[in-house]
Every structure is written in structure tokens, then in C-alpha cells.
Amino acid sequence: MVLRVAVDIDDREALRNLLRDGAQLKLTLAATLKRSRTLMPAEEVGVVVAEILMRHDPLTREFEFSTSPDLPHRRDRNFNRLMDATLERLRLPLAPAASLAQGESYTVSLTCGLRHTQVPPWLEKTLFFWSWDVVPESTYTQSFTF
């Protein structure tokens, strides 16, 4: 069972400017697959968390997206092309098909959020009331029968 999702930001220009000004951001996608049950709470079948770190390199003037330490970084001077190449076809493997039962009801949830990753320690403690979220977490849910 693989969740295929395309993620986009409405105001790409603002995000591009934020990165060019030195911000380092992390886009977090957390997907959960649960099997519905009648008398008991839903059973969690699979969970996957994907993180995409976003930054701008002022020396090369390239935007850099990294999905995990073991995968190569994607770099491009064209921000829109990099956004499309990275976030247009995300695949999140949730569970093996053998673990799903025919005729059962399932619910898949996707939680997305974008926040600052690196904040100076003195600023983090000084502005305790400030939210470091660029885009607050949003959850999307879809029910289906397998």
C-alpha cells in the first residue's frame, strides 16, 4: 500500500524569498493507515514520516532540498522547477498489501506542516510566544474499503 501525494505551496514567491533570506525550513509529511473496527479503536496498520529540508546556498545561488541523509540532495537555481521535481510525485509506503484484508474499511490520514529548523538559541528563548511554524499542520483524511 503506497500513498502517492502531490504537495504544493500557494505562495511560492514568498517561500522562495524566505529561503533566499537565509531561512532553513522543514516540510514534514506524516501518513497513517488505520483499519476501522466496530467495538474497539481503529488498529494502526502503517505509519510513515517523510521530511524534506529546504535551504538556499548563497555561494552557488541554488536552492537545495534534501529528503534524508542517505539520499542525494536535489539542487537547482530554478525554485519552481525544484519544487515540481521534488513535491509533485511523493510516494509514501504505508504497509505491505499482504497485511490488508479484503472487504475491510481503512482510513488514511496525511498531516503536513512547514516550520523553521534552525533558530538561534538566544532568539528561541527570548521569543517564547513566537510560533516557528511557517505553515501550521493540516490533516487530511480519506476513508476507503480495500
N, C-alpha and C. Protein backbone atom coordinates (compact mmCIF):
# COMPACT_ATOMS: atom_id res chain seq x y z
N MET A 1 0.86 -1.17 0.00
CA MET A 1 0.00 0.00 0.00
C MET A 1 0.90 1.23 0.00
N VAL A 2 0.82 2.00 -1.05
CA VAL A 2 1.64 3.19 -1.19
C VAL A 2 0.72 4.40 -1.36
N LEU A 3 0.99 5.43 -0.58
CA LEU A 3 0.24 6.68 -0.71
C LEU A 3 1.03 7.58 -1.64
N ARG A 4 0.41 7.96 -2.73
CA ARG A 4 1.02 8.90 -3.67
C ARG A 4 0.36 10.24 -3.48
N VAL A 5 1.17 11.25 -3.29
CA VAL A 5 0.64 12.57 -2.97
C VAL A 5 1.47 13.64 -3.66
N ALA A 6 0.80 14.71 -4.04
CA ALA A 6 1.47 15.89 -4.59
C ALA A 6 1.24 17.04 -3.62
N VAL A 7 2.31 17.69 -3.23
CA VAL A 7 2.23 18.79 -2.27
C VAL A 7 2.67 20.07 -2.97
N ASP A 8 1.98 21.16 -2.69
CA ASP A 8 2.36 22.44 -3.27
C ASP A 8 2.09 23.55 -2.27
N ILE A 9 2.78 24.63 -2.42
CA ILE A 9 2.62 25.82 -1.58
C ILE A 9 1.94 26.88 -2.44
N ASP A 10 0.88 27.50 -1.92
CA ASP A 10 0.16 28.51 -2.68
C ASP A 10 1.04 29.68 -3.07
N ASP A 11 1.77 30.23 -2.10
CA ASP A 11 2.59 31.41 -2.33
C ASP A 11 4.06 31.00 -2.47
N ARG A 12 4.41 30.49 -3.64
CA ARG A 12 5.78 30.04 -3.86
C ARG A 12 6.78 31.19 -3.80
N GLU A 13 6.36 32.35 -4.24
CA GLU A 13 7.27 33.50 -4.24
C GLU A 13 7.68 33.88 -2.83
N ALA A 14 6.74 33.86 -1.91
CA ALA A 14 7.06 34.17 -0.51
C ALA A 14 8.00 33.12 0.08
N LEU A 15 7.77 31.84 -0.24
CA LEU A 15 8.63 30.77 0.25
C LEU A 15 10.03 30.90 -0.34
N ARG A 16 10.11 31.21 -1.63
CA ARG A 16 11.40 31.41 -2.29
C ARG A 16 12.16 32.55 -1.64
N ASN A 17 11.49 33.66 -1.37
CA ASN A 17 12.13 34.81 -0.73
C ASN A 17 12.58 34.49 0.69
N LEU A 18 11.78 33.73 1.40
CA LEU A 18 12.14 33.32 2.76
C LEU A 18 13.42 32.49 2.76
N LEU A 19 13.53 31.56 1.81
CA LEU A 19 14.74 30.75 1.70
C LEU A 19 15.94 31.58 1.26
N ARG A 20 15.73 32.50 0.35
CA ARG A 20 16.83 33.35 -0.12
C ARG A 20 17.33 34.28 0.99
N ASP A 21 16.48 34.59 1.94
CA ASP A 21 16.88 35.44 3.06
C ASP A 21 17.61 34.66 4.14
N GLY A 22 17.81 33.35 3.94
CA GLY A 22 18.60 32.56 4.88
C GLY A 22 17.83 31.60 5.76
N ALA A 23 16.53 31.53 5.60
CA ALA A 23 15.75 30.60 6.42
C ALA A 23 16.02 29.17 5.97
N GLN A 24 16.01 28.26 6.94
CA GLN A 24 16.08 26.83 6.64
C GLN A 24 14.79 26.22 7.17
N LEU A 25 14.07 25.54 6.27
CA LEU A 25 12.74 25.05 6.60
C LEU A 25 12.68 23.54 6.47
N LYS A 26 11.72 22.95 7.17
CA LYS A 26 11.49 21.51 7.10
C LYS A 26 10.01 21.27 6.84
N LEU A 27 9.74 20.58 5.74
CA LEU A 27 8.39 20.14 5.40
C LEU A 27 8.24 18.72 5.92
N THR A 28 7.26 18.52 6.80
CA THR A 28 7.04 17.20 7.39
C THR A 28 5.71 16.65 6.89
N LEU A 29 5.76 15.41 6.39
CA LEU A 29 4.57 14.70 5.94
C LEU A 29 4.48 13.41 6.74
N ALA A 30 3.42 13.25 7.50
CA ALA A 30 3.22 12.04 8.30
C ALA A 30 1.93 11.37 7.83
N ALA A 31 2.08 10.15 7.32
CA ALA A 31 0.92 9.40 6.83
C ALA A 31 0.66 8.21 7.76
N THR A 32 -0.63 7.97 8.03
CA THR A 32 -1.04 6.88 8.90
C THR A 32 -2.17 6.10 8.23
N LEU A 33 -2.07 4.78 8.27
CA LEU A 33 -3.12 3.90 7.75
C LEU A 33 -3.71 3.14 8.92
N LYS A 34 -5.04 3.25 9.10
CA LYS A 34 -5.72 2.57 10.21
C LYS A 34 -6.87 1.73 9.67
N ARG A 35 -7.03 0.55 10.28
CA ARG A 35 -8.15 -0.34 9.95
C ARG A 35 -9.28 -0.06 10.92
N SER A 36 -10.46 0.21 10.40
CA SER A 36 -11.62 0.51 11.24
C SER A 36 -12.14 -0.76 11.89
N ARG A 37 -12.52 -0.64 13.17
CA ARG A 37 -13.13 -1.77 13.90
C ARG A 37 -14.39 -1.26 14.57
N THR A 38 -15.35 -2.15 14.83
CA THR A 38 -16.65 -1.72 15.34
C THR A 38 -16.63 -1.42 16.84
N LEU A 39 -16.16 -2.32 17.65
CA LEU A 39 -16.23 -2.13 19.09
C LEU A 39 -14.95 -1.60 19.72
N MET A 40 -13.88 -1.68 19.00
CA MET A 40 -12.59 -1.26 19.53
C MET A 40 -12.05 -0.08 18.72
N PRO A 41 -11.08 0.63 19.27
CA PRO A 41 -10.48 1.72 18.49
C PRO A 41 -9.81 1.18 17.22
N ALA A 42 -9.62 2.06 16.26
CA ALA A 42 -9.01 1.66 15.00
C ALA A 42 -7.60 1.12 15.22
N GLU A 43 -7.26 0.10 14.44
CA GLU A 43 -5.94 -0.53 14.54
C GLU A 43 -4.99 0.15 13.55
N GLU A 44 -3.84 0.57 14.05
CA GLU A 44 -2.84 1.22 13.20
C GLU A 44 -2.10 0.15 12.39
N VAL A 45 -2.20 0.24 11.08
CA VAL A 45 -1.59 -0.75 10.20
C VAL A 45 -0.22 -0.28 9.72
N GLY A 46 -0.09 1.00 9.45
CA GLY A 46 1.18 1.52 8.95
C GLY A 46 1.34 3.00 9.21
N VAL A 47 2.58 3.40 9.42
CA VAL A 47 2.92 4.81 9.64
C VAL A 47 4.22 5.11 8.89
N VAL A 48 4.26 6.24 8.24
CA VAL A 48 5.49 6.69 7.59
C VAL A 48 5.60 8.21 7.76
N VAL A 49 6.82 8.67 8.03
CA VAL A 49 7.08 10.10 8.17
C VAL A 49 8.18 10.47 7.18
N ALA A 50 7.90 11.47 6.35
CA ALA A 50 8.88 11.97 5.39
C ALA A 50 9.19 13.42 5.73
N GLU A 51 10.46 13.74 5.71
CA GLU A 51 10.89 15.12 6.00
C GLU A 51 11.72 15.63 4.84
N ILE A 52 11.43 16.84 4.41
CA ILE A 52 12.17 17.48 3.33
C ILE A 52 12.75 18.78 3.88
N LEU A 53 14.07 18.85 3.93
CA LEU A 53 14.76 20.05 4.40
C LEU A 53 14.98 20.97 3.22
N MET A 54 14.65 22.25 3.40
CA MET A 54 14.77 23.23 2.33
C MET A 54 15.70 24.35 2.76
N ARG A 55 16.62 24.70 1.85
CA ARG A 55 17.50 25.82 2.13
C ARG A 55 18.02 26.41 0.83
N HIS A 56 18.67 27.56 0.92
CA HIS A 56 19.26 28.23 -0.22
C HIS A 56 20.75 28.40 0.04
N ASP A 57 21.57 28.04 -0.95
CA ASP A 57 23.01 28.19 -0.84
C ASP A 57 23.40 29.49 -1.53
N PRO A 58 23.80 30.52 -0.77
CA PRO A 58 24.10 31.81 -1.40
C PRO A 58 25.36 31.79 -2.28
N LEU A 59 26.28 30.87 -2.03
CA LEU A 59 27.50 30.81 -2.85
C LEU A 59 27.22 30.31 -4.26
N THR A 60 26.45 29.25 -4.37
CA THR A 60 26.14 28.70 -5.70
C THR A 60 24.83 29.26 -6.25
N ARG A 61 24.09 29.98 -5.40
CA ARG A 61 22.79 30.55 -5.77
C ARG A 61 21.79 29.47 -6.17
N GLU A 62 21.90 28.33 -5.51
CA GLU A 62 21.00 27.22 -5.78
C GLU A 62 20.13 26.94 -4.56
N PHE A 63 18.92 26.50 -4.84
CA PHE A 63 18.05 26.02 -3.78
C PHE A 63 18.35 24.54 -3.60
N GLU A 64 18.29 24.06 -2.36
CA GLU A 64 18.63 22.67 -2.07
C GLU A 64 17.52 22.04 -1.24
N PHE A 65 17.05 20.90 -1.70
CA PHE A 65 16.06 20.11 -0.97
C PHE A 65 16.70 18.77 -0.68
N SER A 66 16.66 18.35 0.57
CA SER A 66 17.18 17.03 0.92
C SER A 66 16.08 16.26 1.64
N THR A 67 15.90 15.01 1.22
CA THR A 67 14.80 14.21 1.77
C THR A 67 15.26 13.34 2.93
N SER A 68 16.50 12.91 2.94
CA SER A 68 17.04 12.14 4.06
C SER A 68 18.56 12.13 3.91
N PRO A 69 19.26 11.80 4.99
CA PRO A 69 20.73 11.83 4.91
C PRO A 69 21.33 10.86 3.90
N ASP A 70 20.65 9.73 3.64
CA ASP A 70 21.24 8.74 2.75
C ASP A 70 20.90 8.96 1.27
N LEU A 71 20.01 9.90 0.96
CA LEU A 71 19.66 10.20 -0.42
C LEU A 71 20.37 11.47 -0.87
N PRO A 72 20.67 11.58 -2.16
CA PRO A 72 21.35 12.79 -2.62
C PRO A 72 20.44 14.01 -2.54
N HIS A 73 21.06 15.15 -2.37
CA HIS A 73 20.32 16.40 -2.32
C HIS A 73 19.93 16.80 -3.75
N ARG A 74 18.77 17.40 -3.86
CA ARG A 74 18.36 17.95 -5.15
C ARG A 74 18.68 19.44 -5.11
N ARG A 75 19.34 19.89 -6.15
CA ARG A 75 19.74 21.29 -6.22
C ARG A 75 19.32 21.86 -7.56
N ASP A 76 18.90 23.11 -7.53
CA ASP A 76 18.53 23.78 -8.78
C ASP A 76 18.47 25.28 -8.51
N ARG A 77 18.84 26.07 -9.51
CA ARG A 77 18.71 27.53 -9.38
C ARG A 77 17.26 27.96 -9.57
N ASN A 78 16.51 27.18 -10.33
CA ASN A 78 15.11 27.49 -10.59
C ASN A 78 14.26 26.88 -9.48
N PHE A 79 13.71 27.74 -8.61
CA PHE A 79 12.95 27.27 -7.46
C PHE A 79 11.69 26.50 -7.86
N ASN A 80 10.95 27.01 -8.83
CA ASN A 80 9.71 26.35 -9.25
C ASN A 80 9.98 24.97 -9.84
N ARG A 81 11.02 24.83 -10.62
CA ARG A 81 11.36 23.53 -11.19
C ARG A 81 11.75 22.53 -10.09
N LEU A 82 12.48 23.00 -9.09
CA LEU A 82 12.87 22.14 -7.97
C LEU A 82 11.65 21.72 -7.14
N MET A 83 10.74 22.66 -6.90
CA MET A 83 9.50 22.33 -6.19
C MET A 83 8.71 21.26 -6.93
N ASP A 84 8.56 21.44 -8.24
CA ASP A 84 7.80 20.47 -9.04
C ASP A 84 8.47 19.11 -9.04
N ALA A 85 9.78 19.08 -9.21
CA ALA A 85 10.50 17.80 -9.29
C ALA A 85 10.48 17.06 -7.95
N THR A 86 10.49 17.77 -6.85
CA THR A 86 10.57 17.13 -5.54
C THR A 86 9.20 16.80 -4.97
N LEU A 87 8.26 17.71 -5.05
CA LEU A 87 6.99 17.55 -4.33
C LEU A 87 5.82 17.11 -5.20
N GLU A 88 6.03 16.99 -6.50
CA GLU A 88 4.91 16.65 -7.37
C GLU A 88 4.53 15.18 -7.32
N ARG A 89 5.51 14.31 -7.06
CA ARG A 89 5.24 12.86 -7.07
C ARG A 89 5.86 12.19 -5.86
N LEU A 90 5.35 12.47 -4.70
CA LEU A 90 5.86 11.83 -3.49
C LEU A 90 5.20 10.47 -3.31
N ARG A 91 5.99 9.50 -2.92
CA ARG A 91 5.49 8.15 -2.66
C ARG A 91 5.82 7.81 -1.21
N LEU A 92 4.78 7.47 -0.45
CA LEU A 92 4.95 7.12 0.96
C LEU A 92 4.46 5.69 1.16
N PRO A 93 5.38 4.71 1.31
CA PRO A 93 4.96 3.31 1.51
C PRO A 93 4.39 3.12 2.91
N LEU A 94 3.12 2.71 2.99
CA LEU A 94 2.43 2.59 4.28
C LEU A 94 2.46 1.18 4.85
N ALA A 95 2.14 0.19 4.04
CA ALA A 95 2.06 -1.19 4.55
C ALA A 95 2.12 -2.16 3.38
N PRO A 96 2.60 -3.38 3.61
CA PRO A 96 2.56 -4.39 2.54
C PRO A 96 1.11 -4.79 2.26
N ALA A 97 0.82 -5.07 1.00
CA ALA A 97 -0.55 -5.43 0.60
C ALA A 97 -1.02 -6.69 1.31
N ALA A 98 -0.10 -7.57 1.70
CA ALA A 98 -0.48 -8.82 2.38
C ALA A 98 -1.08 -8.55 3.77
N SER A 99 -0.78 -7.40 4.35
CA SER A 99 -1.30 -7.10 5.69
C SER A 99 -2.71 -6.51 5.65
N LEU A 100 -3.24 -6.24 4.46
CA LEU A 100 -4.59 -5.69 4.32
C LEU A 100 -5.57 -6.80 4.02
N ALA A 101 -6.77 -6.70 4.58
CA ALA A 101 -7.81 -7.72 4.39
C ALA A 101 -8.86 -7.22 3.41
N GLN A 102 -9.28 -8.10 2.51
CA GLN A 102 -10.31 -7.76 1.53
C GLN A 102 -11.63 -7.44 2.25
N GLY A 103 -12.31 -6.39 1.78
CA GLY A 103 -13.61 -6.01 2.32
C GLY A 103 -13.56 -5.22 3.61
N GLU A 104 -12.39 -4.94 4.14
CA GLU A 104 -12.27 -4.18 5.39
C GLU A 104 -12.23 -2.67 5.08
N SER A 105 -12.67 -1.87 6.05
CA SER A 105 -12.64 -0.42 5.91
C SER A 105 -11.36 0.13 6.53
N TYR A 106 -10.74 1.05 5.82
CA TYR A 106 -9.49 1.67 6.27
C TYR A 106 -9.61 3.18 6.18
N THR A 107 -8.76 3.85 6.92
CA THR A 107 -8.68 5.30 6.88
C THR A 107 -7.22 5.68 6.75
N VAL A 108 -6.93 6.52 5.78
CA VAL A 108 -5.57 7.03 5.62
C VAL A 108 -5.59 8.52 5.97
N SER A 109 -4.62 8.94 6.77
CA SER A 109 -4.51 10.34 7.20
C SER A 109 -3.14 10.86 6.81
N LEU A 110 -3.11 12.09 6.32
CA LEU A 110 -1.86 12.76 5.97
C LEU A 110 -1.80 14.08 6.70
N THR A 111 -0.74 14.27 7.49
CA THR A 111 -0.53 15.51 8.22
C THR A 111 0.68 16.22 7.62
N CYS A 112 0.48 17.47 7.21
CA CYS A 112 1.55 18.26 6.58
C CYS A 112 1.81 19.50 7.42
N GLY A 113 3.07 19.88 7.51
CA GLY A 113 3.44 21.10 8.22
C GLY A 113 4.79 21.61 7.73
N LEU A 114 4.98 22.91 7.77
CA LEU A 114 6.24 23.54 7.35
C LEU A 114 6.69 24.47 8.46
N ARG A 115 7.92 24.26 8.95
CA ARG A 115 8.42 25.08 10.05
C ARG A 115 9.90 25.37 9.91
N HIS A 116 10.35 26.38 10.62
CA HIS A 116 11.77 26.74 10.65
C HIS A 116 12.54 25.64 11.38
N THR A 117 13.74 25.32 10.89
CA THR A 117 14.55 24.29 11.53
C THR A 117 15.65 24.87 12.39
N GLN A 118 16.27 25.93 11.93
CA GLN A 118 17.39 26.49 12.69
C GLN A 118 17.04 27.89 13.16
N VAL A 119 16.95 28.03 14.45
CA VAL A 119 16.68 29.31 15.09
C VAL A 119 17.78 29.52 16.11
N PRO A 120 18.39 30.72 16.16
CA PRO A 120 19.42 30.94 17.17
C PRO A 120 18.88 30.69 18.57
N PRO A 121 19.65 30.01 19.45
CA PRO A 121 19.15 29.67 20.79
C PRO A 121 18.71 30.88 21.60
N TRP A 122 19.42 31.98 21.48
CA TRP A 122 19.05 33.17 22.25
C TRP A 122 17.70 33.72 21.79
N LEU A 123 17.41 33.60 20.49
CA LEU A 123 16.15 34.09 19.96
C LEU A 123 15.00 33.15 20.32
N GLU A 124 15.27 31.85 20.34
CA GLU A 124 14.24 30.87 20.67
C GLU A 124 13.76 31.05 22.10
N LYS A 125 14.66 31.36 23.01
CA LYS A 125 14.28 31.53 24.41
C LYS A 125 13.68 32.92 24.68
N THR A 126 14.11 33.91 23.90
CA THR A 126 13.60 35.26 24.09
C THR A 126 12.16 35.39 23.60
N LEU A 127 11.89 34.83 22.44
CA LEU A 127 10.56 34.94 21.84
C LEU A 127 9.78 33.65 22.05
N PHE A 128 9.51 33.31 23.31
CA PHE A 128 8.84 32.05 23.62
C PHE A 128 7.41 32.00 23.10
N PHE A 129 6.80 33.15 22.86
CA PHE A 129 5.42 33.20 22.39
C PHE A 129 5.34 33.13 20.87
N TRP A 130 6.46 33.20 20.19
CA TRP A 130 6.51 33.20 18.73
C TRP A 130 6.37 31.79 18.19
N SER A 131 5.60 31.62 17.14
CA SER A 131 5.45 30.32 16.52
C SER A 131 6.49 30.18 15.41
N TRP A 132 7.18 29.05 15.40
CA TRP A 132 8.19 28.80 14.36
C TRP A 132 7.57 28.10 13.16
N ASP A 133 6.25 27.92 13.17
CA ASP A 133 5.56 27.31 12.03
C ASP A 133 5.40 28.33 10.92
N VAL A 134 5.82 27.98 9.72
CA VAL A 134 5.58 28.81 8.55
C VAL A 134 4.17 28.52 8.05
N VAL A 135 3.86 27.23 7.96
CA VAL A 135 2.51 26.77 7.63
C VAL A 135 2.10 25.81 8.75
N PRO A 136 1.05 26.11 9.50
CA PRO A 136 0.64 25.21 10.58
C PRO A 136 0.23 23.85 10.04
N GLU A 137 0.34 22.85 10.90
CA GLU A 137 -0.01 21.48 10.49
C GLU A 137 -1.48 21.38 10.07
N SER A 138 -1.69 20.68 8.98
CA SER A 138 -3.03 20.39 8.49
C SER A 138 -3.14 18.89 8.28
N THR A 139 -4.30 18.34 8.61
CA THR A 139 -4.51 16.90 8.46
C THR A 139 -5.63 16.65 7.46
N TYR A 140 -5.36 15.73 6.55
CA TYR A 140 -6.33 15.32 5.53
C TYR A 140 -6.60 13.84 5.71
N THR A 141 -7.88 13.46 5.66
CA THR A 141 -8.28 12.08 5.94
C THR A 141 -9.16 11.56 4.82
N GLN A 142 -8.94 10.29 4.45
CA GLN A 142 -9.76 9.64 3.41
C GLN A 142 -10.08 8.23 3.87
N SER A 143 -11.33 7.86 3.84
CA SER A 143 -11.75 6.50 4.18
C SER A 143 -11.99 5.72 2.89
N PHE A 144 -11.71 4.42 2.95
CA PHE A 144 -11.93 3.56 1.77
C PHE A 144 -12.09 2.11 2.21
N THR A 145 -12.61 1.28 1.33
CA THR A 145 -12.75 -0.15 1.57
C THR A 145 -11.80 -0.87 0.60
N PHE A 146 -10.99 -1.77 1.15
CA PHE A 146 -10.00 -2.48 0.35
C PHE A 146 -10.61 -3.65 -0.38
